């Protein structure tokens, strides 16, 4: 009997203390139509115990959050150091860039922001805006090669630009497609700027960010 068409199952582990992140990583993997078994762990301790019970050879690919509480992720990474060449951030960031590129190509008519300065009105494509900052009753649009400042309310722009923009802080509204990476304290944009994220916004931001990656356009 020929076994040429048989595909070996991959054992993939997801270790993160936030359930919503584990759920969306699982969905991201499942969209690849890869023949695999996915096991989730909510802590490094739980993962290490599993590895001890299975002789540490059951996991082929590991998605590991190295910033879990009490430096748990770093401890786990040291103990599981083996043949894996990339950490979670690198692998996931690359996947994000690929999905963002495909979704951007599918967009036909991006939203536009009307900028009014006195008697002059200018139309700016929302797709060109990295993020919007609010200060002293003015907003500043950060584009690739320029900044535009005018009087407006960031709350109005938030309502207008949802769901592709997310309010990570009372003073910042970011274009999700230009998010490069993030942690619990800041969001790094693809233009190099780092923006403060409110601890009260973090969970919803992560959920929306991962939804954006997965959604079909």
N, C-alpha and C. Protein backbone atom coordinates (compact mmCIF):
# COMPACT_ATOMS: atom_id res chain seq x y z
N UNK A 1 0.85 -1.20 0.00
CA UNK A 1 0.00 0.00 0.00
C UNK A 1 0.88 1.25 0.00
N UNK A 2 0.55 2.19 -0.87
CA UNK A 2 1.36 3.41 -0.97
C UNK A 2 0.99 4.39 0.13
N UNK A 3 2.02 5.08 0.67
CA UNK A 3 1.79 6.08 1.71
C UNK A 3 2.24 7.46 1.25
N UNK A 4 2.36 7.64 -0.06
CA UNK A 4 2.88 8.90 -0.58
C UNK A 4 1.99 10.08 -0.24
N UNK A 5 0.66 9.87 -0.15
CA UNK A 5 -0.27 10.98 0.07
C UNK A 5 -0.58 11.21 1.54
N UNK A 6 0.02 10.40 2.40
CA UNK A 6 -0.23 10.58 3.81
C UNK A 6 0.53 11.80 4.31
N UNK A 7 -0.11 12.58 5.17
CA UNK A 7 0.50 13.78 5.72
C UNK A 7 0.71 13.60 7.21
N UNK A 8 1.91 13.84 7.64
CA UNK A 8 2.22 13.69 9.06
C UNK A 8 1.57 14.80 9.87
N UNK A 9 0.97 14.43 10.97
CA UNK A 9 0.30 15.41 11.82
C UNK A 9 1.33 16.23 12.60
N UNK A 10 1.11 17.55 12.63
CA UNK A 10 1.94 18.43 13.44
C UNK A 10 1.29 18.62 14.80
N UNK A 11 2.08 18.57 15.84
CA UNK A 11 1.60 18.86 17.19
C UNK A 11 2.00 20.29 17.53
N UNK A 12 1.00 21.15 17.65
CA UNK A 12 1.24 22.57 17.89
C UNK A 12 0.73 22.95 19.27
N UNK A 13 1.55 23.68 20.02
CA UNK A 13 1.16 24.13 21.36
C UNK A 13 1.07 25.65 21.38
N UNK A 14 0.05 26.15 22.08
CA UNK A 14 -0.12 27.59 22.27
C UNK A 14 -0.09 27.84 23.78
N UNK A 15 0.88 28.64 24.21
CA UNK A 15 1.01 28.92 25.64
C UNK A 15 0.89 30.42 25.87
N UNK A 16 -0.22 30.84 26.45
CA UNK A 16 -0.46 32.26 26.73
C UNK A 16 -1.45 32.36 27.88
N UNK A 17 -1.24 33.30 28.77
CA UNK A 17 -2.13 33.41 29.92
C UNK A 17 -3.43 34.14 29.60
N UNK A 18 -3.60 34.62 28.35
CA UNK A 18 -4.84 35.30 27.96
C UNK A 18 -5.63 34.41 27.00
N UNK A 19 -6.82 34.04 27.42
CA UNK A 19 -7.63 33.09 26.66
C UNK A 19 -7.97 33.60 25.28
N UNK A 20 -8.29 34.90 25.16
CA UNK A 20 -8.70 35.42 23.84
C UNK A 20 -7.56 35.35 22.83
N UNK A 21 -6.33 35.49 23.29
CA UNK A 21 -5.19 35.37 22.39
C UNK A 21 -5.03 33.93 21.94
N UNK A 22 -5.20 32.98 22.87
CA UNK A 22 -5.09 31.56 22.51
C UNK A 22 -6.16 31.20 21.48
N UNK A 23 -7.37 31.71 21.66
CA UNK A 23 -8.47 31.40 20.76
C UNK A 23 -8.17 31.89 19.34
N UNK A 24 -7.67 33.11 19.22
CA UNK A 24 -7.44 33.66 17.89
C UNK A 24 -6.21 33.08 17.21
N UNK A 25 -5.20 32.70 17.99
CA UNK A 25 -4.06 32.01 17.38
C UNK A 25 -4.51 30.66 16.84
N UNK A 26 -5.39 29.98 17.60
CA UNK A 26 -5.93 28.70 17.14
C UNK A 26 -6.68 28.90 15.81
N UNK A 27 -7.50 29.95 15.74
CA UNK A 27 -8.24 30.21 14.51
C UNK A 27 -7.30 30.51 13.35
N UNK A 28 -6.24 31.26 13.63
CA UNK A 28 -5.28 31.59 12.60
C UNK A 28 -4.62 30.34 12.04
N UNK A 29 -4.26 29.42 12.92
CA UNK A 29 -3.64 28.17 12.50
C UNK A 29 -4.63 27.34 11.68
N UNK A 30 -5.87 27.26 12.16
CA UNK A 30 -6.88 26.44 11.48
C UNK A 30 -7.20 26.95 10.10
N UNK A 31 -7.06 28.25 9.87
CA UNK A 31 -7.32 28.81 8.54
C UNK A 31 -6.29 28.35 7.52
N UNK A 32 -5.14 27.87 7.99
CA UNK A 32 -4.10 27.42 7.07
C UNK A 32 -4.37 26.02 6.52
N UNK A 33 -5.42 25.36 7.02
CA UNK A 33 -5.81 24.02 6.58
C UNK A 33 -4.64 23.03 6.71
N UNK A 34 -3.92 23.16 7.82
CA UNK A 34 -2.80 22.28 8.10
C UNK A 34 -3.28 21.11 8.96
N UNK A 35 -2.82 19.92 8.66
CA UNK A 35 -3.19 18.75 9.43
C UNK A 35 -2.42 18.77 10.75
N UNK A 36 -3.09 19.16 11.81
CA UNK A 36 -2.38 19.33 13.07
C UNK A 36 -3.29 19.12 14.28
N UNK A 37 -2.64 18.89 15.39
CA UNK A 37 -3.32 18.81 16.68
C UNK A 37 -2.85 20.00 17.50
N UNK A 38 -3.80 20.78 18.01
CA UNK A 38 -3.47 22.00 18.75
C UNK A 38 -3.79 21.81 20.24
N UNK A 39 -2.80 22.07 21.09
CA UNK A 39 -2.99 21.97 22.53
C UNK A 39 -2.73 23.33 23.15
N UNK A 40 -3.61 23.76 24.05
CA UNK A 40 -3.47 25.07 24.67
C UNK A 40 -3.02 24.95 26.12
N UNK A 41 -2.21 25.91 26.55
CA UNK A 41 -1.74 25.98 27.93
C UNK A 41 -1.88 27.42 28.43
N UNK A 42 -2.37 27.57 29.64
CA UNK A 42 -2.59 28.91 30.19
C UNK A 42 -1.41 29.41 31.02
N UNK A 43 -0.39 28.58 31.20
CA UNK A 43 0.79 28.99 31.95
C UNK A 43 2.00 28.16 31.54
N UNK A 44 3.17 28.71 31.81
CA UNK A 44 4.38 27.97 31.52
C UNK A 44 4.50 26.72 32.36
N UNK A 45 4.05 26.81 33.60
CA UNK A 45 4.10 25.66 34.50
C UNK A 45 3.28 24.50 33.93
N UNK A 46 2.12 24.83 33.41
CA UNK A 46 1.25 23.80 32.82
C UNK A 46 1.91 23.15 31.61
N UNK A 47 2.60 23.97 30.81
CA UNK A 47 3.29 23.45 29.63
C UNK A 47 4.44 22.53 30.03
N UNK A 48 5.22 22.95 31.01
CA UNK A 48 6.37 22.15 31.44
C UNK A 48 5.92 20.82 32.03
N UNK A 49 4.81 20.84 32.76
CA UNK A 49 4.29 19.60 33.32
C UNK A 49 3.87 18.65 32.21
N UNK A 50 3.26 19.20 31.16
CA UNK A 50 2.86 18.39 30.02
C UNK A 50 4.08 17.78 29.35
N UNK A 51 5.12 18.60 29.17
CA UNK A 51 6.33 18.12 28.55
C UNK A 51 6.98 16.99 29.36
N UNK A 52 6.97 17.12 30.67
CA UNK A 52 7.54 16.08 31.53
C UNK A 52 6.78 14.77 31.37
N UNK A 53 5.47 14.88 31.25
CA UNK A 53 4.63 13.68 31.14
C UNK A 53 4.77 13.00 29.79
N UNK A 54 5.15 13.78 28.75
CA UNK A 54 5.22 13.21 27.40
C UNK A 54 6.65 13.11 26.88
N UNK A 55 7.62 13.15 27.80
CA UNK A 55 9.04 12.99 27.45
C UNK A 55 9.58 14.10 26.54
N UNK A 56 8.92 15.25 26.57
CA UNK A 56 9.42 16.47 25.92
C UNK A 56 9.63 16.35 24.41
N UNK A 57 8.92 15.44 23.75
CA UNK A 57 9.11 15.29 22.31
C UNK A 57 7.79 15.35 21.54
N UNK A 58 6.72 15.80 22.19
CA UNK A 58 5.41 15.79 21.55
C UNK A 58 5.12 17.05 20.75
N UNK A 59 5.80 18.15 21.06
CA UNK A 59 5.47 19.44 20.43
C UNK A 59 6.41 19.73 19.27
N UNK A 60 5.81 19.96 18.09
CA UNK A 60 6.60 20.31 16.91
C UNK A 60 6.78 21.81 16.77
N UNK A 61 5.69 22.55 17.03
CA UNK A 61 5.72 24.01 16.94
C UNK A 61 5.10 24.59 18.20
N UNK A 62 5.78 25.59 18.79
CA UNK A 62 5.29 26.19 20.03
C UNK A 62 5.12 27.69 19.84
N UNK A 63 3.90 28.20 20.12
CA UNK A 63 3.64 29.63 20.18
C UNK A 63 3.68 30.01 21.66
N UNK A 64 4.71 30.76 22.06
CA UNK A 64 4.95 31.03 23.47
C UNK A 64 4.98 32.52 23.74
N UNK A 65 4.15 32.97 24.68
CA UNK A 65 4.17 34.36 25.11
C UNK A 65 5.27 34.50 26.16
N UNK A 66 6.34 35.22 25.82
CA UNK A 66 7.46 35.32 26.76
C UNK A 66 7.24 36.38 27.82
N UNK A 67 6.10 37.09 27.78
CA UNK A 67 5.86 38.17 28.75
C UNK A 67 4.79 37.81 29.76
N UNK A 68 4.58 36.54 30.01
CA UNK A 68 3.61 36.14 31.02
C UNK A 68 4.10 36.54 32.40
N UNK A 69 3.18 36.55 33.36
CA UNK A 69 3.48 37.01 34.70
C UNK A 69 4.67 36.32 35.34
N UNK A 70 5.39 37.07 36.19
CA UNK A 70 6.53 36.55 36.94
C UNK A 70 7.63 36.00 36.03
N UNK A 71 7.77 36.58 34.87
CA UNK A 71 8.76 36.14 33.89
C UNK A 71 8.64 34.65 33.57
N UNK A 72 7.40 34.17 33.68
CA UNK A 72 7.14 32.75 33.47
C UNK A 72 7.55 32.30 32.09
N UNK A 73 7.25 33.14 31.10
CA UNK A 73 7.56 32.78 29.72
C UNK A 73 9.05 32.66 29.47
N UNK A 74 9.84 33.54 30.06
CA UNK A 74 11.28 33.48 29.88
C UNK A 74 11.86 32.21 30.50
N UNK A 75 11.34 31.84 31.65
CA UNK A 75 11.80 30.62 32.29
C UNK A 75 11.50 29.40 31.42
N UNK A 76 10.28 29.39 30.90
CA UNK A 76 9.88 28.28 30.03
C UNK A 76 10.75 28.24 28.78
N UNK A 77 11.01 29.41 28.18
CA UNK A 77 11.81 29.45 26.96
C UNK A 77 13.20 28.87 27.19
N UNK A 78 13.78 29.16 28.34
CA UNK A 78 15.11 28.64 28.64
C UNK A 78 15.08 27.12 28.79
N UNK A 79 14.03 26.63 29.45
CA UNK A 79 13.95 25.19 29.69
C UNK A 79 13.60 24.41 28.43
N UNK A 80 12.90 25.06 27.50
CA UNK A 80 12.50 24.38 26.27
C UNK A 80 13.40 24.70 25.09
N UNK A 81 14.52 25.36 25.35
CA UNK A 81 15.43 25.74 24.28
C UNK A 81 15.83 24.50 23.46
N UNK A 82 15.53 24.51 22.19
CA UNK A 82 15.82 23.33 21.36
C UNK A 82 16.11 23.75 19.94
N UNK A 83 15.37 23.22 18.99
CA UNK A 83 15.65 23.47 17.58
C UNK A 83 14.77 24.53 16.96
N UNK A 84 13.90 25.15 17.74
CA UNK A 84 13.04 26.20 17.19
C UNK A 84 13.87 27.44 16.88
N UNK A 85 13.75 28.01 15.70
CA UNK A 85 14.60 29.11 15.24
C UNK A 85 13.99 30.48 15.48
N UNK A 86 12.72 30.56 15.74
CA UNK A 86 12.08 31.87 15.89
C UNK A 86 11.19 31.88 17.12
N UNK A 87 11.08 33.04 17.76
CA UNK A 87 10.17 33.14 18.90
C UNK A 87 8.79 33.57 18.43
N UNK A 88 7.87 33.64 19.35
CA UNK A 88 6.47 33.92 19.02
C UNK A 88 6.30 35.24 18.28
N UNK A 89 6.94 36.31 18.79
CA UNK A 89 6.74 37.61 18.17
C UNK A 89 7.16 37.62 16.70
N UNK A 90 8.30 37.00 16.39
CA UNK A 90 8.81 37.02 15.03
C UNK A 90 7.88 36.27 14.08
N UNK A 91 7.47 35.07 14.48
CA UNK A 91 6.60 34.25 13.63
C UNK A 91 5.25 34.93 13.43
N UNK A 92 4.68 35.40 14.52
CA UNK A 92 3.35 35.99 14.44
C UNK A 92 3.37 37.32 13.69
N UNK A 93 4.43 38.11 13.89
CA UNK A 93 4.53 39.38 13.19
C UNK A 93 4.60 39.18 11.68
N UNK A 94 5.34 38.17 11.24
CA UNK A 94 5.42 37.88 9.81
C UNK A 94 4.07 37.48 9.25
N UNK A 95 3.34 36.65 9.99
CA UNK A 95 2.01 36.24 9.57
C UNK A 95 1.09 37.45 9.45
N UNK A 96 1.20 38.34 10.41
CA UNK A 96 0.39 39.56 10.40
C UNK A 96 0.69 40.40 9.16
N UNK A 97 1.97 40.57 8.85
CA UNK A 97 2.34 41.38 7.69
C UNK A 97 1.78 40.79 6.39
N UNK A 98 1.83 39.47 6.28
CA UNK A 98 1.31 38.82 5.08
C UNK A 98 -0.20 39.01 4.95
N UNK A 99 -0.93 38.86 6.05
CA UNK A 99 -2.37 39.04 6.01
C UNK A 99 -2.74 40.50 5.75
N UNK A 100 -2.00 41.42 6.36
CA UNK A 100 -2.30 42.83 6.15
C UNK A 100 -2.09 43.21 4.68
N UNK A 101 -1.06 42.66 4.06
CA UNK A 101 -0.80 42.95 2.65
C UNK A 101 -1.95 42.46 1.78
N UNK A 102 -2.42 41.23 2.02
CA UNK A 102 -3.50 40.67 1.24
C UNK A 102 -4.79 41.45 1.43
N UNK A 103 -5.08 41.83 2.67
CA UNK A 103 -6.31 42.57 2.93
C UNK A 103 -6.26 43.96 2.33
N UNK A 104 -5.08 44.59 2.36
CA UNK A 104 -4.94 45.92 1.78
C UNK A 104 -5.18 45.88 0.27
N UNK A 105 -4.74 44.80 -0.38
CA UNK A 105 -4.93 44.66 -1.82
C UNK A 105 -6.41 44.52 -2.18
N UNK A 106 -7.19 43.98 -1.25
CA UNK A 106 -8.60 43.74 -1.52
C UNK A 106 -9.45 45.00 -1.32
N UNK A 107 -8.92 45.97 -0.62
CA UNK A 107 -9.68 47.19 -0.36
C UNK A 107 -9.83 47.99 -1.66
N UNK A 108 -11.05 48.38 -1.96
CA UNK A 108 -11.30 49.12 -3.20
C UNK A 108 -11.50 50.61 -2.95
N UNK A 109 -12.31 50.93 -1.97
CA UNK A 109 -12.62 52.33 -1.72
C UNK A 109 -12.41 52.66 -0.24
N UNK A 110 -11.18 53.02 0.14
CA UNK A 110 -10.92 53.34 1.54
C UNK A 110 -11.68 54.59 1.97
N UNK A 111 -11.96 54.66 3.23
CA UNK A 111 -12.67 55.83 3.76
C UNK A 111 -11.80 57.07 3.63
N UNK A 112 -12.46 58.23 3.68
CA UNK A 112 -11.73 59.48 3.58
C UNK A 112 -12.08 60.38 4.76
N UNK A 113 -11.11 61.17 5.16
CA UNK A 113 -11.29 62.14 6.25
C UNK A 113 -11.27 63.54 5.64
N UNK A 114 -12.29 64.32 5.94
CA UNK A 114 -12.35 65.69 5.45
C UNK A 114 -11.68 66.62 6.46
N UNK A 115 -10.61 67.24 6.02
CA UNK A 115 -9.84 68.15 6.88
C UNK A 115 -10.24 69.58 6.55
N UNK A 116 -10.77 70.29 7.54
CA UNK A 116 -11.24 71.66 7.31
C UNK A 116 -10.37 72.65 8.07
N UNK A 117 -9.71 73.53 7.34
CA UNK A 117 -8.92 74.62 7.92
C UNK A 117 -9.42 75.93 7.34
N UNK A 118 -10.21 76.64 8.13
CA UNK A 118 -10.78 77.88 7.63
C UNK A 118 -11.73 77.60 6.48
N UNK A 119 -11.50 78.25 5.34
CA UNK A 119 -12.35 78.05 4.17
C UNK A 119 -11.85 76.92 3.27
N UNK A 120 -10.77 76.27 3.68
CA UNK A 120 -10.17 75.23 2.86
C UNK A 120 -10.55 73.85 3.39
N UNK A 121 -10.95 72.97 2.48
CA UNK A 121 -11.29 71.59 2.84
C UNK A 121 -10.44 70.64 2.00
N UNK A 122 -9.85 69.69 2.67
CA UNK A 122 -8.98 68.72 2.00
C UNK A 122 -9.44 67.31 2.34
N UNK A 123 -9.41 66.44 1.35
CA UNK A 123 -9.79 65.04 1.57
C UNK A 123 -8.53 64.19 1.72
N UNK A 124 -8.48 63.42 2.82
CA UNK A 124 -7.33 62.56 3.09
C UNK A 124 -7.81 61.11 3.18
N UNK A 125 -7.19 60.24 2.43
CA UNK A 125 -7.55 58.82 2.50
C UNK A 125 -7.18 58.25 3.86
N UNK A 126 -8.15 57.58 4.49
CA UNK A 126 -7.89 56.95 5.80
C UNK A 126 -6.79 55.91 5.69
N UNK A 127 -6.65 55.33 4.52
CA UNK A 127 -5.64 54.30 4.30
C UNK A 127 -4.23 54.86 4.40
N UNK A 128 -4.08 56.19 4.28
CA UNK A 128 -2.77 56.82 4.34
C UNK A 128 -2.40 57.28 5.75
N UNK A 129 -3.33 57.14 6.69
CA UNK A 129 -3.12 57.64 8.05
C UNK A 129 -2.59 56.52 8.95
N UNK A 130 -1.43 56.74 9.54
CA UNK A 130 -0.88 55.76 10.48
C UNK A 130 -1.65 55.80 11.81
N UNK A 131 -1.79 57.01 12.33
CA UNK A 131 -2.57 57.18 13.57
C UNK A 131 -2.97 58.64 13.73
N UNK A 132 -3.86 58.88 14.67
CA UNK A 132 -4.36 60.22 14.95
C UNK A 132 -4.13 60.54 16.41
N UNK A 133 -3.61 61.72 16.66
CA UNK A 133 -3.34 62.17 18.03
C UNK A 133 -4.23 63.36 18.37
N UNK A 134 -4.73 63.39 19.59
CA UNK A 134 -5.60 64.49 20.03
C UNK A 134 -4.94 65.26 21.16
N UNK A 135 -4.96 66.61 21.05
CA UNK A 135 -4.40 67.46 22.10
C UNK A 135 -4.94 68.87 21.95
N UNK A 136 -5.41 69.42 23.07
CA UNK A 136 -5.88 70.81 23.10
C UNK A 136 -6.91 71.14 22.02
N UNK A 137 -7.92 70.31 21.92
CA UNK A 137 -9.04 70.50 20.98
C UNK A 137 -8.64 70.35 19.52
N UNK A 138 -7.41 69.97 19.27
CA UNK A 138 -6.95 69.73 17.91
C UNK A 138 -6.61 68.25 17.73
N UNK A 139 -6.63 67.82 16.47
CA UNK A 139 -6.17 66.47 16.15
C UNK A 139 -5.04 66.59 15.13
N UNK A 140 -4.13 65.63 15.18
CA UNK A 140 -3.02 65.59 14.23
C UNK A 140 -3.06 64.24 13.52
N UNK A 141 -3.12 64.30 12.20
CA UNK A 141 -3.09 63.09 11.40
C UNK A 141 -1.63 62.81 11.02
N UNK A 142 -1.16 61.62 11.35
CA UNK A 142 0.22 61.24 11.02
C UNK A 142 0.21 60.38 9.77
N UNK A 143 0.71 60.96 8.67
CA UNK A 143 0.79 60.26 7.39
C UNK A 143 2.24 59.86 7.13
N UNK A 144 2.47 59.22 6.00
CA UNK A 144 3.81 58.74 5.69
C UNK A 144 4.83 59.88 5.60
N UNK A 145 4.46 60.97 4.92
CA UNK A 145 5.43 62.04 4.68
C UNK A 145 5.02 63.39 5.28
N UNK A 146 3.95 63.43 6.03
CA UNK A 146 3.53 64.71 6.59
C UNK A 146 2.62 64.53 7.79
N UNK A 147 2.43 65.62 8.52
CA UNK A 147 1.49 65.68 9.62
C UNK A 147 0.48 66.79 9.32
N UNK A 148 -0.78 66.53 9.60
CA UNK A 148 -1.82 67.52 9.35
C UNK A 148 -2.54 67.81 10.66
N UNK A 149 -2.55 69.06 11.06
CA UNK A 149 -3.18 69.45 12.33
C UNK A 149 -4.37 70.37 12.06
N UNK A 150 -5.46 70.10 12.72
CA UNK A 150 -6.65 70.93 12.55
C UNK A 150 -7.60 70.70 13.72
N UNK A 151 -8.64 71.51 13.82
CA UNK A 151 -9.59 71.39 14.91
C UNK A 151 -10.63 70.30 14.60
N UNK A 152 -10.73 69.33 15.48
CA UNK A 152 -11.73 68.27 15.34
C UNK A 152 -11.73 67.46 16.63
N UNK A 153 -12.71 66.59 16.78
CA UNK A 153 -12.81 65.74 17.96
C UNK A 153 -12.38 64.32 17.60
N UNK A 154 -11.50 63.77 18.39
CA UNK A 154 -11.03 62.42 18.11
C UNK A 154 -12.15 61.40 18.26
N UNK A 155 -13.13 61.71 19.11
CA UNK A 155 -14.27 60.81 19.29
C UNK A 155 -15.10 60.72 18.01
N UNK A 156 -15.21 61.84 17.29
CA UNK A 156 -15.96 61.83 16.02
C UNK A 156 -15.21 61.02 14.97
N UNK A 157 -13.90 61.17 14.94
CA UNK A 157 -13.09 60.41 13.99
C UNK A 157 -13.12 58.92 14.33
N UNK A 158 -13.16 58.62 15.61
CA UNK A 158 -13.24 57.21 16.04
C UNK A 158 -14.51 56.56 15.49
N UNK A 159 -15.64 57.24 15.62
CA UNK A 159 -16.90 56.70 15.11
C UNK A 159 -16.89 56.58 13.59
N UNK A 160 -16.25 57.54 12.95
CA UNK A 160 -16.21 57.58 11.49
C UNK A 160 -15.31 56.49 10.89
N UNK A 161 -14.23 56.17 11.59
CA UNK A 161 -13.21 55.29 11.02
C UNK A 161 -13.25 53.85 11.53
N UNK A 162 -14.17 53.54 12.43
CA UNK A 162 -14.31 52.15 12.85
C UNK A 162 -14.70 51.29 11.66
N UNK A 163 -14.30 50.03 11.62
CA UNK A 163 -13.54 49.28 12.62
C UNK A 163 -12.04 49.21 12.33
N UNK A 164 -11.58 49.90 11.27
CA UNK A 164 -10.16 49.78 10.91
C UNK A 164 -9.24 50.60 11.81
N UNK A 165 -9.81 51.52 12.56
CA UNK A 165 -9.04 52.29 13.54
C UNK A 165 -9.53 51.93 14.94
N UNK A 166 -8.60 51.95 15.90
CA UNK A 166 -8.95 51.60 17.28
C UNK A 166 -8.39 52.64 18.24
N UNK A 167 -9.19 53.03 19.21
CA UNK A 167 -8.81 54.03 20.22
C UNK A 167 -8.05 53.32 21.35
N UNK A 168 -6.72 53.38 21.31
CA UNK A 168 -5.92 52.68 22.32
C UNK A 168 -5.71 53.52 23.58
N UNK A 169 -6.04 54.79 23.49
CA UNK A 169 -5.82 55.73 24.59
C UNK A 169 -6.69 56.94 24.31
N UNK A 170 -6.98 57.72 25.32
CA UNK A 170 -7.85 58.89 25.09
C UNK A 170 -7.25 59.85 24.06
N UNK A 171 -5.91 59.79 23.90
CA UNK A 171 -5.27 60.69 22.96
C UNK A 171 -4.79 60.07 21.68
N UNK A 172 -5.04 58.75 21.48
CA UNK A 172 -4.53 58.08 20.28
C UNK A 172 -5.57 57.18 19.62
N UNK A 173 -5.68 57.33 18.31
CA UNK A 173 -6.54 56.48 17.49
C UNK A 173 -5.65 55.90 16.40
N UNK A 174 -5.45 54.58 16.41
CA UNK A 174 -4.47 53.98 15.50
C UNK A 174 -5.14 53.22 14.36
N UNK A 175 -4.49 53.26 13.22
CA UNK A 175 -4.88 52.45 12.06
C UNK A 175 -4.31 51.06 12.28
N UNK A 176 -5.17 50.07 12.47
CA UNK A 176 -4.72 48.74 12.85
C UNK A 176 -3.78 48.13 11.82
N UNK A 177 -3.96 48.44 10.56
CA UNK A 177 -3.11 47.84 9.53
C UNK A 177 -1.66 48.30 9.63
N UNK A 178 -1.41 49.40 10.35
CA UNK A 178 -0.04 49.89 10.50
C UNK A 178 0.57 49.58 11.86
N UNK A 179 -0.08 48.73 12.62
CA UNK A 179 0.50 48.29 13.90
C UNK A 179 1.59 47.26 13.61
N UNK A 180 2.78 47.50 14.11
CA UNK A 180 3.89 46.57 13.88
C UNK A 180 3.98 45.54 15.00
N UNK A 181 3.87 45.99 16.23
CA UNK A 181 3.86 45.08 17.38
C UNK A 181 3.30 45.84 18.58
N UNK A 182 3.08 45.12 19.66
CA UNK A 182 2.52 45.75 20.85
C UNK A 182 2.89 44.94 22.09
N UNK A 183 2.77 45.58 23.25
CA UNK A 183 2.84 44.87 24.52
C UNK A 183 1.83 45.53 25.43
N UNK A 184 1.91 45.28 26.70
CA UNK A 184 0.88 45.79 27.62
C UNK A 184 0.97 47.29 27.89
N UNK A 185 2.05 47.93 27.49
CA UNK A 185 2.22 49.35 27.79
C UNK A 185 2.24 50.25 26.56
N UNK A 186 2.60 49.69 25.38
CA UNK A 186 2.68 50.55 24.21
C UNK A 186 2.42 49.78 22.92
N UNK A 187 2.08 50.56 21.89
CA UNK A 187 1.87 50.02 20.55
C UNK A 187 2.91 50.64 19.63
N UNK A 188 3.66 49.81 18.92
CA UNK A 188 4.69 50.30 18.00
C UNK A 188 4.09 50.32 16.60
N UNK A 189 4.11 51.51 15.97
CA UNK A 189 3.56 51.67 14.64
C UNK A 189 4.65 51.44 13.59
N UNK A 190 4.22 51.17 12.35
CA UNK A 190 5.17 50.85 11.29
C UNK A 190 6.00 52.06 10.84
N UNK A 191 5.62 53.26 11.26
CA UNK A 191 6.44 54.43 10.95
C UNK A 191 7.49 54.68 12.03
N UNK A 192 7.56 53.77 13.01
CA UNK A 192 8.57 53.87 14.06
C UNK A 192 8.10 54.49 15.35
N UNK A 193 6.92 55.10 15.37
CA UNK A 193 6.42 55.75 16.58
C UNK A 193 5.88 54.73 17.58
N UNK A 194 6.13 54.99 18.86
CA UNK A 194 5.60 54.15 19.94
C UNK A 194 4.55 54.94 20.70
N UNK A 195 3.37 54.37 20.86
CA UNK A 195 2.24 55.06 21.47
C UNK A 195 1.79 54.36 22.73
N UNK A 196 1.47 55.14 23.74
CA UNK A 196 1.00 54.59 25.00
C UNK A 196 -0.37 53.95 24.83
N UNK A 197 -0.54 52.75 25.38
CA UNK A 197 -1.85 52.10 25.35
C UNK A 197 -2.41 52.04 26.77
N UNK A 198 -3.67 52.38 26.93
CA UNK A 198 -4.31 52.34 28.24
C UNK A 198 -4.50 50.89 28.68
N UNK A 199 -4.26 50.62 29.95
CA UNK A 199 -4.44 49.26 30.46
C UNK A 199 -5.90 48.83 30.36
N UNK A 200 -6.81 49.80 30.34
CA UNK A 200 -8.23 49.48 30.22
C UNK A 200 -8.63 49.16 28.77
N UNK A 201 -7.77 49.53 27.83
CA UNK A 201 -8.06 49.28 26.42
C UNK A 201 -7.35 48.03 25.89
N UNK A 202 -6.39 47.51 26.64
CA UNK A 202 -5.51 46.46 26.12
C UNK A 202 -6.25 45.22 25.64
N UNK A 203 -7.13 44.67 26.47
CA UNK A 203 -7.82 43.43 26.11
C UNK A 203 -8.66 43.60 24.84
N UNK A 204 -9.41 44.69 24.78
CA UNK A 204 -10.25 44.93 23.60
C UNK A 204 -9.40 45.18 22.36
N UNK A 205 -8.25 45.84 22.55
CA UNK A 205 -7.37 46.08 21.42
C UNK A 205 -6.83 44.77 20.85
N UNK A 206 -6.37 43.88 21.71
CA UNK A 206 -5.84 42.59 21.26
C UNK A 206 -6.91 41.82 20.50
N UNK A 207 -8.12 41.82 21.04
CA UNK A 207 -9.22 41.11 20.38
C UNK A 207 -9.49 41.69 19.00
N UNK A 208 -9.58 43.02 18.92
CA UNK A 208 -9.88 43.66 17.63
C UNK A 208 -8.73 43.46 16.64
N UNK A 209 -7.50 43.54 17.12
CA UNK A 209 -6.33 43.39 16.27
C UNK A 209 -6.30 42.01 15.63
N UNK A 210 -6.57 40.99 16.40
CA UNK A 210 -6.56 39.63 15.88
C UNK A 210 -7.76 39.37 14.98
N UNK A 211 -8.89 39.98 15.30
CA UNK A 211 -10.06 39.87 14.42
C UNK A 211 -9.75 40.47 13.06
N UNK A 212 -9.06 41.58 13.06
CA UNK A 212 -8.71 42.27 11.82
C UNK A 212 -7.84 41.37 10.93
N UNK A 213 -6.95 40.65 11.55
CA UNK A 213 -6.07 39.76 10.80
C UNK A 213 -6.86 38.62 10.17
N UNK A 214 -7.84 38.10 10.91
CA UNK A 214 -8.53 36.91 10.48
C UNK A 214 -9.71 37.15 9.54
N UNK A 215 -10.27 38.34 9.64
CA UNK A 215 -11.52 38.56 8.91
C UNK A 215 -11.35 38.53 7.40
N UNK A 216 -12.36 38.07 6.72
CA UNK A 216 -12.34 38.00 5.26
C UNK A 216 -12.87 39.33 4.72
N UNK A 217 -12.16 39.89 3.74
CA UNK A 217 -12.61 41.13 3.13
C UNK A 217 -13.21 40.84 1.77
